[in-house]
C-alpha atoms as a PDB file:
ATOM      1  CA  MET A   1      21.939 -25.302  -1.477  1.00  0.00           C
ATOM      2  CA  THR A   2      21.447 -21.542  -1.867  1.00  0.00           C
ATOM      3  CA  THR A   3      23.563 -18.757  -0.466  1.00  0.00           C
ATOM      4  CA  ILE A   4      22.131 -15.411   0.532  1.00  0.00           C
ATOM      5  CA  ARG A   5      24.539 -12.592  -0.216  1.00  0.00           C
ATOM      6  CA  LYS A   6      25.431 -10.237   2.593  1.00  0.00           C
ATOM      7  CA  GLY A   7      23.069  -7.265   2.520  1.00  0.00           C
ATOM      8  CA  SER A   8      20.439  -9.148   0.509  1.00  0.00           C
ATOM      9  CA  LYS A   9      16.916  -7.987   1.270  1.00  0.00           C
ATOM     10  CA  LYS A  10      15.223 -11.059  -0.098  1.00  0.00           C
ATOM     11  CA  MET A  11      14.268 -12.309   3.364  1.00  0.00           C
ATOM     12  CA  ALA A  12      13.522  -8.864   4.810  1.00  0.00           C
ATOM     13  CA  PRO A  13       9.945  -8.146   5.895  1.00  0.00           C
ATOM     14  CA  ILE A  14       7.768  -6.547   3.211  1.00  0.00           C
ATOM     15  CA  TRP A  15       5.780  -4.301   5.562  1.00  0.00           C
ATOM     16  CA  LYS A  16       7.060  -2.086   8.334  1.00  0.00           C
ATOM     17  CA  GLY A  17       5.536  -1.305  11.720  1.00  0.00           C
ATOM     18  CA  GLN A  18       2.176  -0.102  12.829  1.00  0.00           C
ATOM     19  CA  TYR A  19       1.134   3.412  11.943  1.00  0.00           C
ATOM     20  CA  LYS A  20      -1.910   5.574  12.612  1.00  0.00           C
ATOM     21  CA  ILE A  21      -3.623   7.735  10.025  1.00  0.00           C
ATOM     22  CA  SER A  22      -3.314  11.273  11.328  1.00  0.00           C
ATOM     23  CA  GLN A  23      -4.782  13.184   8.386  1.00  0.00           C
ATOM     24  CA  VAL A  24      -6.784  12.436   5.261  1.00  0.00           C
ATOM     25  CA  SER A  25      -5.258  14.656   2.609  1.00  0.00           C
ATOM     26  CA  GLY A  26      -7.404  13.999  -0.413  1.00  0.00           C
ATOM     27  CA  MET A  27      -8.661  11.245  -2.647  1.00  0.00           C
ATOM     28  CA  GLY A  28      -6.930   8.203  -1.142  1.00  0.00           C
ATOM     29  CA  SER A  29      -3.943  10.148   0.240  1.00  0.00           C
ATOM     30  CA  TYR A  30      -3.008   9.934   3.921  1.00  0.00           C
ATOM     31  CA  THR A  31      -0.488  11.345   6.380  1.00  0.00           C
ATOM     32  CA  LEU A  32       0.735   8.811   8.948  1.00  0.00           C
ATOM     33  CA  THR A  33       2.157   8.918  12.474  1.00  0.00           C
ATOM     34  CA  THR A  34       3.969   6.214  14.413  1.00  0.00           C
ATOM     35  CA  ILE A  35       2.420   4.627  17.498  1.00  0.00           C
ATOM     36  CA  SER A  36       4.497   7.039  19.620  1.00  0.00           C
ATOM     37  CA  ASP A  37       2.967  10.018  17.689  1.00  0.00           C
ATOM     38  CA  LYS A  38       6.030  10.872  15.568  1.00  0.00           C
ATOM     39  CA  LYS A  39       4.849  12.367  12.260  1.00  0.00           C
ATOM     40  CA  ILE A  40       5.977  10.726   9.007  1.00  0.00           C
ATOM     41  CA  ASN A  41       6.688  13.518   6.474  1.00  0.00           C
ATOM     42  CA  LYS A  42       5.579  11.535   3.425  1.00  0.00           C
ATOM     43  CA  GLN A  43       2.087  11.256   1.935  1.00  0.00           C
ATOM     44  CA  TRP A  44       0.866   7.691   1.367  1.00  0.00           C
ATOM     45  CA  ASN A  45      -1.667   6.446  -1.137  1.00  0.00           C
ATOM     46  CA  ALA A  46      -4.330   4.004   0.086  1.00  0.00           C
ATOM     47  CA  TYR A  47      -2.984   1.426  -2.386  1.00  0.00           C
ATOM     48  CA  ASN A  48       0.240   1.215  -0.339  1.00  0.00           C
ATOM     49  CA  LEU A  49      -1.476   0.777   3.036  1.00  0.00           C
ATOM     50  CA  ARG A  50      -2.683  -2.454   4.650  1.00  0.00           C
ATOM     51  CA  LYS A  51      -4.981  -3.000   7.627  1.00  0.00           C
ATOM     52  CA  TYR A  52      -3.317  -4.304  10.731  1.00  0.00           C
END
């Protein structure tokens, strides 16, 4: 029997939400927005993105 410690993220989802690509910033770099058009202030590399 295993016990999961309080606050453990072992069972947390790996990927978060659905996002739209709002701007292509360079070689494999993207700016994202949420579905409700709220801009995410971080640049993301294509390696970190997955199709949904």
